[in-house]
Amino acid sequence: MLDDDFFEVLRANNIPEFKVSINNAIKDDVYCIRENYNQWEVFYRERGKEFNLKKFDTKEEAQNYLLNYLIRIR
């Protein structure tokens, strides 16, 4: 899934885009998707710390996991 498509699904589900960062884990108080040594990681970053780290083989798996999670908790 392209990043634009990912953010379109977020918008369609009334999830603010600023809640997610892709490959830019410097931000705080966001859910992050990043590539790390040929794996994709999803985690929540707050106050410089990473929480609930999940690892995936593909970016699409990571995006789908995060989308489903965010839709479920909204």
PDB file of N, CA and C in Angstrom:
ATOM      1  N   MET A   1       0.851  -1.174   0.000  1.00  0.00           N
ATOM      2  CA  MET A   1       0.000   0.000   0.000  1.00  0.00           C
ATOM      3  C   MET A   1       0.899   1.240   0.000  1.00  0.00           C
ATOM      4  N   LEU A   2       0.587   2.164  -0.838  1.00  0.00           N
ATOM      5  CA  LEU A   2       1.334   3.416  -0.858  1.00  0.00           C
ATOM      6  C   LEU A   2       0.976   4.249   0.369  1.00  0.00           C
ATOM      7  N   ASP A   3       1.909   5.092   0.787  1.00  0.00           N
ATOM      8  CA  ASP A   3       1.657   5.930   1.959  1.00  0.00           C
ATOM      9  C   ASP A   3       0.414   6.802   1.761  1.00  0.00           C
ATOM     10  N   ASP A   4       0.228   7.326   0.548  1.00  0.00           N
ATOM     11  CA  ASP A   4      -0.953   8.158   0.281  1.00  0.00           C
ATOM     12  C   ASP A   4      -2.240   7.364   0.494  1.00  0.00           C
ATOM     13  N   ASP A   5      -2.245   6.102   0.060  1.00  0.00           N
ATOM     14  CA  ASP A   5      -3.420   5.250   0.256  1.00  0.00           C
ATOM     15  C   ASP A   5      -3.652   4.979   1.741  1.00  0.00           C
ATOM     16  N   PHE A   6      -2.577   4.751   2.458  1.00  0.00           N
ATOM     17  CA  PHE A   6      -2.662   4.511   3.901  1.00  0.00           C
ATOM     18  C   PHE A   6      -3.311   5.709   4.602  1.00  0.00           C
ATOM     19  N   PHE A   7      -2.829   6.907   4.286  1.00  0.00           N
ATOM     20  CA  PHE A   7      -3.376   8.101   4.926  1.00  0.00           C
ATOM     21  C   PHE A   7      -4.809   8.384   4.470  1.00  0.00           C
ATOM     22  N   GLU A   8      -5.147   7.988   3.264  1.00  0.00           N
ATOM     23  CA  GLU A   8      -6.528   8.127   2.790  1.00  0.00           C
ATOM     24  C   GLU A   8      -7.471   7.261   3.629  1.00  0.00           C
ATOM     25  N   VAL A   9      -7.041   6.050   3.947  1.00  0.00           N
ATOM     26  CA  VAL A   9      -7.855   5.171   4.795  1.00  0.00           C
ATOM     27  C   VAL A   9      -7.982   5.762   6.196  1.00  0.00           C
ATOM     28  N   LEU A  10      -6.904   6.345   6.704  1.00  0.00           N
ATOM     29  CA  LEU A  10      -6.990   7.014   8.007  1.00  0.00           C
ATOM     30  C   LEU A  10      -8.061   8.105   7.975  1.00  0.00           C
ATOM     31  N   ARG A  11      -7.983   8.958   6.960  1.00  0.00           N
ATOM     32  CA  ARG A  11      -8.955  10.062   6.845  1.00  0.00           C
ATOM     33  C   ARG A  11     -10.379   9.531   6.720  1.00  0.00           C
ATOM     34  N   ALA A  12     -10.554   8.479   5.940  1.00  0.00           N
ATOM     35  CA  ALA A  12     -11.887   7.904   5.737  1.00  0.00           C
ATOM     36  C   ALA A  12     -12.473   7.365   7.038  1.00  0.00           C
ATOM     37  N   ASN A  13     -11.600   7.022   7.983  1.00  0.00           N
ATOM     38  CA  ASN A  13     -12.044   6.501   9.274  1.00  0.00           C
ATOM     39  C   ASN A  13     -11.936   7.532  10.391  1.00  0.00           C
ATOM     40  N   ASN A  14     -11.810   8.800   9.998  1.00  0.00           N
ATOM     41  CA  ASN A  14     -11.745   9.912  10.956  1.00  0.00           C
ATOM     42  C   ASN A  14     -10.616   9.768  11.974  1.00  0.00           C
ATOM     43  N   ILE A  15      -9.481   9.261  11.505  1.00  0.00           N
ATOM     44  CA  ILE A  15      -8.292   9.154  12.351  1.00  0.00           C
ATOM     45  C   ILE A  15      -7.323  10.243  11.892  1.00  0.00           C
ATOM     46  N   PRO A  16      -6.960  11.160  12.773  1.00  0.00           N
ATOM     47  CA  PRO A  16      -6.082  12.267  12.376  1.00  0.00           C
ATOM     48  C   PRO A  16      -4.721  11.772  11.882  1.00  0.00           C
ATOM     49  N   GLU A  17      -4.278  12.331  10.773  1.00  0.00           N
ATOM     50  CA  GLU A  17      -2.997  11.927  10.186  1.00  0.00           C
ATOM     51  C   GLU A  17      -1.822  12.196  11.120  1.00  0.00           C
ATOM     52  N   PHE A  18      -1.929  13.223  11.941  1.00  0.00           N
ATOM     53  CA  PHE A  18      -0.807  13.564  12.814  1.00  0.00           C
ATOM     54  C   PHE A  18      -0.553  12.500  13.881  1.00  0.00           C
ATOM     55  N   LYS A  19      -1.444  11.532  14.003  1.00  0.00           N
ATOM     56  CA  LYS A  19      -1.264  10.445  14.973  1.00  0.00           C
ATOM     57  C   LYS A  19      -0.299   9.376  14.478  1.00  0.00           C
ATOM     58  N   VAL A  20       0.108   9.451  13.183  1.00  0.00           N
ATOM     59  CA  VAL A  20       0.942   8.408  12.584  1.00  0.00           C
ATOM     60  C   VAL A  20       2.161   9.024  11.917  1.00  0.00           C
ATOM     61  N   SER A  21       3.296   8.370  12.096  1.00  0.00           N
ATOM     62  CA  SER A  21       4.538   8.768  11.448  1.00  0.00           C
ATOM     63  C   SER A  21       5.111   7.555  10.721  1.00  0.00           C
ATOM     64  N   ILE A  22       5.465   7.734   9.458  1.00  0.00           N
ATOM     65  CA  ILE A  22       6.072   6.643   8.694  1.00  0.00           C
ATOM     66  C   ILE A  22       7.525   6.995   8.423  1.00  0.00           C
ATOM     67  N   ASN A  23       8.423   6.132   8.908  1.00  0.00           N
ATOM     68  CA  ASN A  23       9.873   6.299   8.752  1.00  0.00           C
ATOM     69  C   ASN A  23      10.397   7.615   9.310  1.00  0.00           C
ATOM     70  N   ASN A  24       9.757   8.122  10.341  1.00  0.00           N
ATOM     71  CA  ASN A  24      10.221   9.341  11.000  1.00  0.00           C
ATOM     72  C   ASN A  24       9.914   9.211  12.483  1.00  0.00           C
ATOM     73  N   ALA A  25      10.656   8.366  13.165  1.00  0.00           N
ATOM     74  CA  ALA A  25      10.355   8.049  14.562  1.00  0.00           C
ATOM     75  C   ALA A  25      10.848   9.111  15.536  1.00  0.00           C
ATOM     76  N   ILE A  26      11.204  10.275  15.044  1.00  0.00           N
ATOM     77  CA  ILE A  26      11.682  11.338  15.921  1.00  0.00           C
ATOM     78  C   ILE A  26      10.525  11.985  16.678  1.00  0.00           C
ATOM     79  N   LYS A  27       9.345  11.968  16.103  1.00  0.00           N
ATOM     80  CA  LYS A  27       8.182  12.597  16.731  1.00  0.00           C
ATOM     81  C   LYS A  27       7.743  11.823  17.970  1.00  0.00           C
ATOM     82  N   ASP A  28       7.115  12.527  18.890  1.00  0.00           N
ATOM     83  CA  ASP A  28       6.558  11.900  20.086  1.00  0.00           C
ATOM     84  C   ASP A  28       5.038  11.922  20.026  1.00  0.00           C
ATOM     85  N   ASP A  29       4.436  11.063  20.830  1.00  0.00           N
ATOM     86  CA  ASP A  29       2.979  10.951  20.931  1.00  0.00           C
ATOM     87  C   ASP A  29       2.340  10.572  19.598  1.00  0.00           C
ATOM     88  N   VAL A  30       2.991   9.655  18.882  1.00  0.00           N
ATOM     89  CA  VAL A  30       2.464   9.159  17.608  1.00  0.00           C
ATOM     90  C   VAL A  30       2.700   7.658  17.501  1.00  0.00           C
ATOM     91  N   TYR A  31       1.908   7.032  16.647  1.00  0.00           N
ATOM     92  CA  TYR A  31       2.144   5.649  16.256  1.00  0.00           C
ATOM     93  C   TYR A  31       3.106   5.687  15.083  1.00  0.00           C
ATOM     94  N   CYS A  32       4.120   4.846  15.122  1.00  0.00           N
ATOM     95  CA  CYS A  32       5.178   4.882  14.118  1.00  0.00           C
ATOM     96  C   CYS A  32       5.254   3.575  13.341  1.00  0.00           C
ATOM     97  N   ILE A  33       5.574   3.715  12.062  1.00  0.00           N
ATOM     98  CA  ILE A  33       5.923   2.587  11.207  1.00  0.00           C
ATOM     99  C   ILE A  33       7.297   2.923  10.649  1.00  0.00           C
ATOM    100  N   ARG A  34       8.250   2.019  10.847  1.00  0.00           N
ATOM    101  CA  ARG A  34       9.585   2.282  10.306  1.00  0.00           C
ATOM    102  C   ARG A  34      10.238   0.982   9.865  1.00  0.00           C
ATOM    103  N   GLU A  35      11.144   1.135   8.905  1.00  0.00           N
ATOM    104  CA  GLU A  35      11.935  -0.005   8.457  1.00  0.00           C
ATOM    105  C   GLU A  35      13.192  -0.069   9.310  1.00  0.00           C
ATOM    106  N   ASN A  36      13.519  -1.272   9.766  1.00  0.00           N
ATOM    107  CA  ASN A  36      14.689  -1.462  10.612  1.00  0.00           C
ATOM    108  C   ASN A  36      15.293  -2.829  10.292  1.00  0.00           C
ATOM    109  N   TYR A  37      16.439  -2.820   9.633  1.00  0.00           N
ATOM    110  CA  TYR A  37      17.129  -4.063   9.273  1.00  0.00           C
ATOM    111  C   TYR A  37      16.211  -5.043   8.548  1.00  0.00           C
ATOM    112  N   ASN A  38      15.630  -4.600   7.451  1.00  0.00           N
ATOM    113  CA  ASN A  38      14.794  -5.432   6.577  1.00  0.00           C
ATOM    114  C   ASN A  38      13.517  -5.933   7.233  1.00  0.00           C
ATOM    115  N   GLN A  39      13.130  -5.335   8.328  1.00  0.00           N
ATOM    116  CA  GLN A  39      11.838  -5.618   8.942  1.00  0.00           C
ATOM    117  C   GLN A  39      11.115  -4.296   9.132  1.00  0.00           C
ATOM    118  N   TRP A  40       9.802  -4.378   9.246  1.00  0.00           N
ATOM    119  CA  TRP A  40       8.993  -3.190   9.500  1.00  0.00           C
ATOM    120  C   TRP A  40       8.478  -3.255  10.924  1.00  0.00           C
ATOM    121  N   GLU A  41       8.615  -2.156  11.633  1.00  0.00           N
ATOM    122  CA  GLU A  41       8.209  -2.097  13.032  1.00  0.00           C
ATOM    123  C   GLU A  41       7.060  -1.109  13.212  1.00  0.00           C
ATOM    124  N   VAL A  42       6.159  -1.465  14.099  1.00  0.00           N
ATOM    125  CA  VAL A  42       5.057  -0.590  14.492  1.00  0.00           C
ATOM    126  C   VAL A  42       5.147  -0.427  16.003  1.00  0.00           C
ATOM    127  N   PHE A  43       5.060   0.802  16.465  1.00  0.00           N
ATOM    128  CA  PHE A  43       5.127   1.055  17.902  1.00  0.00           C
ATOM    129  C   PHE A  43       4.534   2.423  18.198  1.00  0.00           C
ATOM    130  N   TYR A  44       4.298   2.661  19.477  1.00  0.00           N
ATOM    131  CA  TYR A  44       3.861   3.979  19.924  1.00  0.00           C
ATOM    132  C   TYR A  44       5.052   4.650  20.578  1.00  0.00           C
ATOM    133  N   ARG A  45       5.296   5.901  20.237  1.00  0.00           N
ATOM    134  CA  ARG A  45       6.423   6.643  20.809  1.00  0.00           C
ATOM    135  C   ARG A  45       5.884   7.775  21.673  1.00  0.00           C
ATOM    136  N   GLU A  46       6.364   7.790  22.915  1.00  0.00           N
ATOM    137  CA  GLU A  46       5.949   8.823  23.859  1.00  0.00           C
ATOM    138  C   GLU A  46       7.132   9.183  24.743  1.00  0.00           C
ATOM    139  N   ARG A  47       7.392  10.473  24.858  1.00  0.00           N
ATOM    140  CA  ARG A  47       8.485  10.987  25.694  1.00  0.00           C
ATOM    141  C   ARG A  47       9.821  10.320  25.377  1.00  0.00           C
ATOM    142  N   GLY A  48      10.049  10.082  24.090  1.00  0.00           N
ATOM    143  CA  GLY A  48      11.319   9.520  23.656  1.00  0.00           C
ATOM    144  C   GLY A  48      11.455   8.022  23.831  1.00  0.00           C
ATOM    145  N   LYS A  49      10.402   7.353  24.272  1.00  0.00           N
ATOM    146  CA  LYS A  49      10.449   5.902  24.477  1.00  0.00           C
ATOM    147  C   LYS A  49       9.457   5.216  23.552  1.00  0.00           C
ATOM    148  N   GLU A  50       9.806   3.997  23.162  1.00  0.00           N
ATOM    149  CA  GLU A  50       8.958   3.211  22.268  1.00  0.00           C
ATOM    150  C   GLU A  50       8.207   2.152  23.063  1.00  0.00           C
ATOM    151  N   PHE A  51       6.913   2.015  22.767  1.00  0.00           N
ATOM    152  CA  PHE A  51       6.062   1.070  23.478  1.00  0.00           C
ATOM    153  C   PHE A  51       5.341   0.153  22.495  1.00  0.00           C
ATOM    154  N   ASN A  52       5.062  -1.062  22.943  1.00  0.00           N
ATOM    155  CA  ASN A  52       4.257  -2.038  22.188  1.00  0.00           C
ATOM    156  C   ASN A  52       4.819  -2.322  20.797  1.00  0.00           C
ATOM    157  N   LEU A  53       6.106  -2.574  20.721  1.00  0.00           N
ATOM    158  CA  LEU A  53       6.774  -2.841  19.451  1.00  0.00           C
ATOM    159  C   LEU A  53       6.289  -4.150  18.839  1.00  0.00           C
ATOM    160  N   LYS A  54       5.887  -4.082  17.580  1.00  0.00           N
ATOM    161  CA  LYS A  54       5.508  -5.261  16.789  1.00  0.00           C
ATOM    162  C   LYS A  54       6.355  -5.245  15.522  1.00  0.00           C
ATOM    163  N   LYS A  55       6.781  -6.432  15.061  1.00  0.00           N
ATOM    164  CA  LYS A  55       7.625  -6.525  13.871  1.00  0.00           C
ATOM    165  C   LYS A  55       6.912  -7.305  12.772  1.00  0.00           C
ATOM    166  N   PHE A  56       7.157  -6.870  11.523  1.00  0.00           N
ATOM    167  CA  PHE A  56       6.516  -7.473  10.362  1.00  0.00           C
ATOM    168  C   PHE A  56       7.530  -7.620   9.238  1.00  0.00           C
ATOM    169  N   ASP A  57       7.252  -8.562   8.347  1.00  0.00           N
ATOM    170  CA  ASP A  57       8.145  -8.797   7.215  1.00  0.00           C
ATOM    171  C   ASP A  57       7.977  -7.766   6.109  1.00  0.00           C
ATOM    172  N   THR A  58       6.779  -7.208   5.977  1.00  0.00           N
ATOM    173  CA  THR A  58       6.531  -6.244   4.903  1.00  0.00           C
ATOM    174  C   THR A  58       5.896  -4.968   5.453  1.00  0.00           C
ATOM    175  N   LYS A  59       6.068  -3.913   4.696  1.00  0.00           N
ATOM    176  CA  LYS A  59       5.457  -2.635   5.064  1.00  0.00           C
ATOM    177  C   LYS A  59       3.936  -2.754   5.042  1.00  0.00           C
ATOM    178  N   GLU A  60       3.408  -3.473   4.076  1.00  0.00           N
ATOM    179  CA  GLU A  60       1.956  -3.624   3.972  1.00  0.00           C
ATOM    180  C   GLU A  60       1.378  -4.329   5.200  1.00  0.00           C
ATOM    181  N   GLU A  61       2.063  -5.347   5.699  1.00  0.00           N
ATOM    182  CA  GLU A  61       1.601  -6.018   6.923  1.00  0.00           C
ATOM    183  C   GLU A  61       1.587  -5.044   8.100  1.00  0.00           C
ATOM    184  N   ALA A  62       2.634  -4.237   8.198  1.00  0.00           N
ATOM    185  CA  ALA A  62       2.721  -3.255   9.282  1.00  0.00           C
ATOM    186  C   ALA A  62       1.603  -2.219   9.165  1.00  0.00           C
ATOM    187  N   GLN A  63       1.372  -1.729   7.952  1.00  0.00           N
ATOM    188  CA  GLN A  63       0.308  -0.746   7.742  1.00  0.00           C
ATOM    189  C   GLN A  63      -1.059  -1.338   8.074  1.00  0.00           C
ATOM    190  N   ASN A  64      -1.314  -2.545   7.617  1.00  0.00           N
ATOM    191  CA  ASN A  64      -2.610  -3.178   7.888  1.00  0.00           C
ATOM    192  C   ASN A  64      -2.819  -3.401   9.378  1.00  0.00           C
ATOM    193  N   TYR A  65      -1.770  -3.831  10.068  1.00  0.00           N
ATOM    194  CA  TYR A  65      -1.875  -4.014  11.518  1.00  0.00           C
ATOM    195  C   TYR A  65      -2.247  -2.695  12.196  1.00  0.00           C
ATOM    196  N   LEU A  66      -1.511  -1.632  11.854  1.00  0.00           N
ATOM    197  CA  LEU A  66      -1.758  -0.349  12.505  1.00  0.00           C
ATOM    198  C   LEU A  66      -3.138   0.201  12.151  1.00  0.00           C
ATOM    199  N   LEU A  67      -3.538   0.083  10.897  1.00  0.00           N
ATOM    200  CA  LEU A  67      -4.881   0.540  10.514  1.00  0.00           C
ATOM    201  C   LEU A  67      -5.954  -0.178  11.317  1.00  0.00           C
ATOM    202  N   ASN A  68      -5.862  -1.486  11.377  1.00  0.00           N
ATOM    203  CA  ASN A  68      -6.859  -2.262  12.125  1.00  0.00           C
ATOM    204  C   ASN A  68      -6.857  -1.884  13.603  1.00  0.00           C
ATOM    205  N   TYR A  69      -5.685  -1.686  14.158  1.00  0.00           N
ATOM    206  CA  TYR A  69      -5.578  -1.298  15.567  1.00  0.00           C
ATOM    207  C   TYR A  69      -6.223   0.070  15.809  1.00  0.00           C
ATOM    208  N   LEU A  70      -5.878   1.043  14.974  1.00  0.00           N
ATOM    209  CA  LEU A  70      -6.405   2.395  15.164  1.00  0.00           C
ATOM    210  C   LEU A  70      -7.915   2.455  14.949  1.00  0.00           C
ATOM    211  N   ILE A  71      -8.413   1.705  14.003  1.00  0.00           N
ATOM    212  CA  ILE A  71      -9.862   1.661  13.770  1.00  0.00           C
ATOM    213  C   ILE A  71     -10.561   1.033  14.974  1.00  0.00           C
ATOM    214  N   ARG A  72      -9.959   0.009  15.534  1.00  0.00           N
ATOM    215  CA  ARG A  72     -10.550  -0.690  16.681  1.00  0.00           C
ATOM    216  C   ARG A  72     -10.598   0.194  17.927  1.00  0.00           C
ATOM    217  N   ILE A  73      -9.581   1.025  18.149  1.00  0.00           N
ATOM    218  CA  ILE A  73      -9.538   1.808  19.397  1.00  0.00           C
ATOM    219  C   ILE A  73     -10.169   3.190  19.283  1.00  0.00           C
ATOM    220  N   ARG A  74     -10.534   3.619  18.101  1.00  0.00           N
ATOM    221  CA  ARG A  74     -11.054   4.996  17.976  1.00  0.00           C
ATOM    222  C   ARG A  74     -12.380   5.171  18.637  1.00  0.00           C
TER     223      ARG A  74
END
